[in-house]
Amino acid sequence: MSAPEGSLVDRDVDRDGVRAIALRGTVLDVVVCPDAGGKILDLVHQPTGVNLLWRNPRVPVQMTHAGAPFDDVWCGGWDELFPTDQPCELDGTIYHDHGDLWIGQWDWKVEQDDGDAAVIYLRRYSASLPCLMERWISLDRDALQLRVRYRLSNEGVRPVPFVWNVHVAHAIHPGSRVHLPAQTVAAVPPYTGRVEPGRDDVPWPGPGGDDGDLSLLPAPDSGLSEYFFTPDLDDGWCAVTHPQHGIGLGLAFDRSVFPRVWLFGAYGGWRGHYFQLTEPSTGVPGSLADNVAAGFAAELVAGESLETEVVATVLTDLEDPAAVLQAAARAG
């Protein structure tokens, strides 16, 4: 399918029977599913035909609903997790598995589509908190960057604590690598993989070599699963590259908003899948209740809004991902 002449937006998109919308540039082809939790489903580099986002081969795209276990209906792609990761109860409120923004439909409209650039606006209220999440997903015709601008507003009368993750699932291959501006990572049981359980100061990426370089992702027959997070970041970016394809995907973000990155990798282990999650996050692994108790929960004052942007860049020069991502972020 293609967008109408003089347009980048294709409104006539179907994924497994679910309505979707596409932004079709000359370099990137992006599919968004407002009816399936507002996820970004595909991010395809058209010159190579590579979809940088992982799609679950066993779970179709579907309209989600309250009460559904996230892992059982997760079809991959890019989701927004808010206001928790793990389910919990806090101050009498029950918080859903992986939050509640992925549940149900997002309202949307096309704000710009002039042949040179396109912007889709999406909005969704949290079910558990008096908060509104707004997103502007932007693509220029010839760009390697997809820009996602956010505004999170507290419409209540009290401050609200929250955990927010930009939950991006990367399609990976043997030889793929994770890049992080971090000196150490902490391992999260039980998914410690190549790391000794209980370590919270694992050098990143490690001493090197096939067994000592944590940035080099294991093969799908390793049967491993790994869950790490960065206690500290030197800068606001992360990336996954695929040298065998000469391509990668990086995220640039505001480190003052997302001070940590969570990494969850399934290398033939968890449910037999093969993917890598990178998750810029406001908190640490666990639930909102865990983060409140440990002092890591973010907070939004009543009547105020938090605005930020995440820039996703398809990397075609893999020599220095940091420089490319920093330049892309500054260009915004």
Protein backbone atom coordinates (compact mmCIF):
# COMPACT_ATOMS: atom_id res chain seq x y z
CA MET A 1 0.00 0.00 0.00
CA SER A 2 1.02 3.61 -0.44
CA ALA A 3 -0.18 6.98 0.73
CA PRO A 4 -2.30 9.07 -1.65
CA GLU A 5 -0.36 11.28 -4.06
CA GLY A 6 0.97 14.38 -2.31
CA SER A 7 0.49 12.78 1.09
CA LEU A 8 2.57 10.80 3.56
CA VAL A 9 -0.37 9.47 5.58
CA ASP A 10 -2.06 6.22 4.60
CA ARG A 11 -5.31 5.78 6.53
CA ASP A 12 -6.28 2.55 4.79
CA VAL A 13 -4.06 0.12 6.71
CA ASP A 14 -5.07 -3.19 8.27
CA ARG A 15 -3.00 -5.35 10.59
CA ASP A 16 -4.58 -8.70 11.48
CA GLY A 17 -8.02 -7.16 11.13
CA VAL A 18 -7.19 -4.13 13.28
CA ARG A 19 -7.34 -0.66 11.77
CA ALA A 20 -3.99 1.12 11.60
CA ILE A 21 -2.45 4.25 10.11
CA ALA A 22 0.87 4.62 8.32
CA LEU A 23 3.40 7.38 7.78
CA ARG A 24 5.16 6.60 4.50
CA GLY A 25 8.32 8.53 3.73
CA THR A 26 10.94 7.78 1.11
CA VAL A 27 13.22 6.18 3.71
CA LEU A 28 11.02 5.13 6.63
CA ASP A 29 7.65 3.41 6.67
CA VAL A 30 5.94 3.61 10.07
CA VAL A 31 2.70 1.89 11.13
CA VAL A 32 0.77 3.04 14.21
CA CYS A 33 -2.16 1.14 15.74
CA PRO A 34 -4.41 3.54 17.70
CA ASP A 35 -6.95 0.75 18.24
CA ALA A 36 -4.33 -1.61 19.72
CA GLY A 37 -3.13 0.48 22.62
CA GLY A 38 -1.64 3.22 20.44
CA LYS A 39 1.49 1.19 19.72
CA ILE A 40 3.98 1.87 16.96
CA LEU A 41 3.93 -1.52 15.28
CA ASP A 42 6.40 -1.21 12.39
CA LEU A 43 9.43 0.95 11.70
CA VAL A 44 10.74 -0.21 8.33
CA HIS A 45 13.89 1.07 6.63
CA GLN A 46 12.69 1.00 3.04
CA PRO A 47 16.07 0.79 1.24
CA THR A 48 16.85 -2.50 3.02
CA GLY A 49 13.32 -3.67 3.81
CA VAL A 50 14.34 -4.25 7.44
CA ASN A 51 11.71 -3.75 10.16
CA LEU A 52 13.68 -2.53 13.17
CA LEU A 53 10.82 -3.36 15.55
CA TRP A 54 10.16 -6.92 16.71
CA ARG A 55 6.84 -8.53 15.89
CA ASN A 56 5.66 -11.48 17.97
CA PRO A 57 5.34 -14.40 15.51
CA ARG A 58 2.73 -16.13 17.66
CA VAL A 59 0.48 -13.27 18.81
CA PRO A 60 -1.49 -11.19 16.27
CA VAL A 61 -2.28 -7.53 16.59
CA GLN A 62 -5.51 -7.20 18.54
CA MET A 63 -7.68 -4.68 20.31
CA THR A 64 -6.66 -4.87 23.96
CA HIS A 65 -8.87 -4.72 27.02
CA ALA A 66 -8.69 -4.24 30.77
CA GLY A 67 -7.78 -7.39 32.65
CA ALA A 68 -5.70 -8.90 29.86
CA PRO A 69 -2.24 -10.12 30.93
CA PHE A 70 0.21 -7.99 28.98
CA ASP A 71 2.56 -10.82 28.06
CA ASP A 72 -0.24 -12.96 26.61
CA VAL A 73 -1.49 -10.30 24.18
CA TRP A 74 1.78 -8.48 23.46
CA CYS A 75 2.46 -8.51 19.73
CA GLY A 76 5.70 -6.50 19.91
CA GLY A 77 6.47 -2.99 18.68
CA TRP A 78 6.79 0.23 20.69
CA ASP A 79 4.47 0.79 23.67
CA GLU A 80 4.13 3.35 26.46
CA LEU A 81 4.07 1.81 29.95
CA PHE A 82 2.44 4.11 32.52
CA PRO A 83 2.00 4.44 35.53
CA THR A 84 3.64 1.13 36.51
CA ASP A 85 5.44 -1.86 35.10
CA GLN A 86 4.51 -4.72 37.39
CA PRO A 87 0.95 -4.78 38.77
CA CYS A 88 0.52 -3.51 42.30
CA GLU A 89 -1.75 -1.84 44.83
CA LEU A 90 -0.91 1.56 46.28
CA ASP A 91 -3.06 3.71 48.56
CA GLY A 92 -6.14 1.67 47.72
CA THR A 93 -5.70 1.85 43.94
CA ILE A 94 -4.95 -1.29 41.92
CA TYR A 95 -2.53 -0.71 39.06
CA HIS A 96 -2.72 -2.92 35.98
CA ASP A 97 0.04 -5.13 34.61
CA HIS A 98 2.38 -2.89 32.55
CA GLY A 99 0.15 0.09 33.30
CA ASP A 100 -3.05 1.02 31.49
CA LEU A 101 -2.12 3.07 28.41
CA TRP A 102 -1.72 -0.08 26.29
CA ILE A 103 -5.29 -1.13 27.11
CA GLY A 104 -7.93 -0.12 24.58
CA GLN A 105 -8.06 2.60 21.96
CA TRP A 106 -6.34 5.97 21.67
CA ASP A 107 -8.09 8.95 20.10
CA TRP A 108 -6.19 10.29 17.12
CA LYS A 109 -6.20 12.74 14.24
CA VAL A 110 -3.86 13.84 11.46
CA GLU A 111 -2.48 17.29 12.32
CA GLN A 112 -0.19 17.72 9.31
CA ASP A 113 0.16 16.00 5.95
CA ASP A 114 1.48 18.33 3.29
CA GLY A 115 3.68 15.98 1.28
CA ASP A 116 6.86 17.11 3.00
CA ALA A 117 6.04 16.06 6.57
CA ALA A 118 3.29 14.36 8.54
CA VAL A 119 2.19 14.53 12.17
CA ILE A 120 -0.27 12.20 13.89
CA TYR A 121 -1.70 13.33 17.22
CA LEU A 122 -2.85 10.69 19.74
CA ARG A 123 -4.28 11.02 23.24
CA ARG A 124 -5.37 8.67 25.98
CA TYR A 125 -6.40 9.03 29.63
CA SER A 126 -4.95 6.72 32.25
CA ALA A 127 -7.63 4.61 33.92
CA SER A 128 -5.92 4.58 37.31
CA LEU A 129 -4.70 8.18 37.60
CA PRO A 130 -6.19 11.55 36.57
CA CYS A 131 -3.54 11.89 33.88
CA LEU A 132 -3.72 12.55 30.14
CA MET A 133 -0.96 11.30 27.83
CA GLU A 134 -0.64 13.09 24.48
CA ARG A 135 1.73 12.13 21.67
CA TRP A 136 2.69 13.77 18.40
CA ILE A 137 4.35 11.27 16.05
CA SER A 138 6.21 13.11 13.28
CA LEU A 139 7.98 12.00 10.10
CA ASP A 140 9.63 14.14 7.42
CA ARG A 141 9.52 12.75 3.89
CA ASP A 142 13.23 11.97 3.49
CA ALA A 143 14.19 11.56 7.15
CA LEU A 144 15.90 8.75 9.01
CA GLN A 145 14.30 10.04 12.22
CA LEU A 146 10.90 9.43 13.76
CA ARG A 147 10.09 12.04 16.39
CA VAL A 148 7.66 11.41 19.23
CA ARG A 149 6.74 14.44 21.31
CA TYR A 150 4.93 13.85 24.59
CA ARG A 151 2.82 15.86 26.99
CA LEU A 152 1.78 14.17 30.24
CA SER A 153 -0.72 16.22 32.26
CA ASN A 154 -1.99 15.76 35.80
CA GLU A 155 -5.61 16.94 35.74
CA GLY A 156 -6.23 15.97 39.36
CA VAL A 157 -5.95 17.95 42.57
CA ARG A 158 -3.07 16.03 44.16
CA PRO A 159 0.46 15.11 43.09
CA VAL A 160 0.68 11.71 41.39
CA PRO A 161 3.64 9.30 41.56
CA PHE A 162 4.36 7.27 38.45
CA VAL A 163 6.72 5.04 36.53
CA TRP A 164 6.89 5.62 32.77
CA ASN A 165 8.81 3.46 30.30
CA VAL A 166 9.26 3.96 26.57
CA HIS A 167 9.04 0.23 25.80
CA VAL A 168 10.72 -0.49 22.44
CA ALA A 169 11.15 -4.07 21.18
CA HIS A 170 13.99 -4.46 18.67
CA ALA A 171 14.17 -7.25 16.12
CA ILE A 172 17.64 -8.78 16.55
CA HIS A 173 19.99 -11.20 14.82
CA PRO A 174 23.14 -13.13 15.80
CA GLY A 175 25.85 -10.49 16.07
CA SER A 176 23.53 -7.64 17.06
CA ARG A 177 24.82 -5.27 19.74
CA VAL A 178 23.42 -2.98 22.44
CA HIS A 179 25.08 0.42 22.90
CA LEU A 180 24.73 2.35 26.16
CA PRO A 181 26.47 5.41 27.66
CA ALA A 182 26.87 3.61 30.98
CA GLN A 183 29.74 2.33 33.09
CA THR A 184 27.79 -0.36 34.96
CA VAL A 185 24.49 -2.22 34.86
CA ALA A 186 22.54 -4.04 37.55
CA ALA A 187 21.17 -7.54 36.95
CA VAL A 188 17.51 -8.20 37.82
CA PRO A 189 16.71 -11.74 39.06
CA PRO A 190 15.74 -14.24 37.87
CA TYR A 191 16.86 -13.16 34.38
CA THR A 192 20.57 -12.73 35.06
CA GLY A 193 21.78 -14.73 32.04
CA ARG A 194 25.54 -14.39 31.67
CA VAL A 195 25.87 -12.46 34.95
CA GLU A 196 26.29 -13.83 38.45
CA PRO A 197 22.99 -13.44 40.37
CA GLY A 198 22.86 -10.57 42.83
CA ARG A 199 25.28 -8.29 40.97
CA ASP A 200 24.28 -4.62 40.91
CA ASP A 201 27.61 -3.26 39.69
CA VAL A 202 28.35 -5.26 36.54
CA PRO A 203 30.90 -3.43 34.33
CA TRP A 204 29.41 -2.41 30.98
CA PRO A 205 30.00 -3.73 28.43
CA GLY A 206 32.52 -5.97 30.18
CA PRO A 207 36.08 -7.09 29.59
CA GLY A 208 35.50 -8.13 25.98
CA GLY A 209 35.58 -11.38 24.09
CA ASP A 210 32.58 -13.45 23.12
CA ASP A 211 31.85 -14.45 26.72
CA GLY A 212 32.77 -11.18 28.42
CA ASP A 213 31.08 -8.59 26.21
CA LEU A 214 27.51 -8.05 27.39
CA SER A 215 26.79 -5.70 24.49
CA LEU A 216 27.12 -8.60 22.03
CA LEU A 217 23.76 -10.35 22.09
CA PRO A 218 23.64 -14.14 22.45
CA ALA A 219 22.42 -16.41 19.68
CA PRO A 220 18.80 -17.62 19.69
CA ASP A 221 19.86 -21.15 20.60
CA SER A 222 21.53 -19.97 23.83
CA GLY A 223 18.27 -20.32 25.74
CA LEU A 224 19.15 -17.23 27.81
CA SER A 225 17.09 -14.33 29.12
CA GLU A 226 18.71 -11.21 30.57
CA TYR A 227 17.26 -8.26 32.47
CA PHE A 228 19.56 -5.35 33.29
CA PHE A 229 19.16 -1.67 34.06
CA THR A 230 21.53 1.28 34.25
CA PRO A 231 21.87 2.83 37.72
CA ASP A 232 23.44 5.86 36.01
CA LEU A 233 23.63 7.13 32.45
CA ASP A 234 26.35 9.40 31.08
CA ASP A 235 24.02 10.69 28.36
CA GLY A 236 20.44 10.32 27.12
CA TRP A 237 20.54 7.69 24.41
CA CYS A 238 20.63 3.95 23.71
CA ALA A 239 20.85 1.87 20.54
CA VAL A 240 20.77 -1.61 19.06
CA THR A 241 22.83 -2.21 15.92
CA HIS A 242 22.97 -5.06 13.43
CA PRO A 243 26.40 -5.13 11.75
CA GLN A 244 25.40 -7.97 9.45
CA HIS A 245 22.75 -5.68 7.92
CA GLY A 246 24.69 -2.42 8.31
CA ILE A 247 21.78 -0.85 10.16
CA GLY A 248 20.53 -0.09 13.66
CA LEU A 249 17.95 1.80 15.71
CA GLY A 250 18.78 4.35 18.38
CA LEU A 251 16.71 6.41 20.79
CA ALA A 252 17.71 9.88 22.01
CA PHE A 253 15.87 11.26 25.03
CA ASP A 254 16.07 13.74 27.89
CA ARG A 255 18.11 12.13 30.66
CA SER A 256 16.49 14.40 33.24
CA VAL A 257 13.13 12.78 32.42
CA PHE A 258 14.35 9.24 31.76
CA PRO A 259 17.47 8.80 33.94
CA ARG A 260 17.73 5.03 33.40
CA VAL A 261 17.47 2.43 30.65
CA TRP A 262 16.08 -1.02 31.28
CA LEU A 263 17.24 -3.87 29.04
CA PHE A 264 15.29 -7.09 28.70
CA GLY A 265 16.58 -9.60 26.20
CA ALA A 266 15.05 -12.92 25.22
CA TYR A 267 17.62 -15.06 23.42
CA GLY A 268 15.61 -18.23 23.00
CA GLY A 269 14.83 -18.19 26.73
CA TRP A 270 11.69 -16.28 27.76
CA ARG A 271 8.79 -17.97 25.94
CA GLY A 272 11.23 -19.10 23.24
CA HIS A 273 11.43 -15.60 21.72
CA TYR A 274 14.35 -13.67 20.26
CA PHE A 275 14.25 -9.89 20.78
CA GLN A 276 15.84 -7.03 22.71
CA LEU A 277 13.90 -4.41 24.67
CA THR A 278 15.39 -1.00 25.38
CA GLU A 279 13.29 1.02 27.82
CA PRO A 280 14.19 4.58 28.76
CA SER A 281 12.55 4.84 32.18
CA THR A 282 11.74 7.24 34.98
CA GLY A 283 12.24 4.50 37.59
CA VAL A 284 13.86 1.19 38.43
CA PRO A 285 12.56 -2.33 37.66
CA GLY A 286 9.54 -3.29 39.72
CA SER A 287 6.12 -1.82 40.36
CA LEU A 288 4.99 1.70 41.13
CA ALA A 289 4.61 0.66 44.77
CA ASP A 290 8.20 -0.62 44.78
CA ASN A 291 9.46 2.65 43.30
CA VAL A 292 7.51 4.76 45.78
CA ALA A 293 8.88 2.72 48.69
CA ALA A 294 12.45 3.01 47.39
CA GLY A 295 12.22 6.71 46.54
CA PHE A 296 12.58 6.25 42.76
CA ALA A 297 9.05 7.13 41.61
CA ALA A 298 8.66 10.25 39.49
CA GLU A 299 5.98 12.75 40.54
CA LEU A 300 3.79 15.19 38.66
CA VAL A 301 2.25 18.09 40.58
CA ALA A 302 -1.49 18.73 40.29
CA GLY A 303 -2.38 20.92 37.32
CA GLU A 304 1.06 20.64 35.73
CA SER A 305 2.32 19.00 32.54
CA LEU A 306 5.56 17.26 31.63
CA GLU A 307 6.69 17.72 28.02
CA THR A 308 9.51 15.79 26.43
CA GLU A 309 10.59 14.20 23.15
CA VAL A 310 12.10 10.89 22.08
CA VAL A 311 13.86 10.78 18.71
CA ALA A 312 14.20 7.37 17.07
CA THR A 313 16.95 7.32 14.44
CA VAL A 314 17.68 4.56 11.97
CA LEU A 315 21.46 4.23 12.00
CA THR A 316 23.21 3.52 8.71
CA ASP A 317 26.68 4.50 9.96
CA LEU A 318 27.48 2.19 12.86
CA GLU A 319 30.90 3.62 13.73
CA ASP A 320 29.67 6.17 16.28
CA PRO A 321 25.99 5.77 17.24
CA ALA A 322 26.33 8.34 20.03
CA ALA A 323 27.34 11.15 17.67
CA VAL A 324 24.52 10.37 15.25
CA LEU A 325 21.88 10.25 17.98
CA GLN A 326 23.09 13.41 19.70
CA ALA A 327 23.05 15.28 16.39
CA ALA A 328 19.53 14.04 15.63
CA ALA A 329 18.27 15.17 19.02
CA ARG A 330 19.84 18.63 18.61
CA ALA A 331 18.26 19.00 15.16
CA GLY A 332 14.82 18.90 16.78
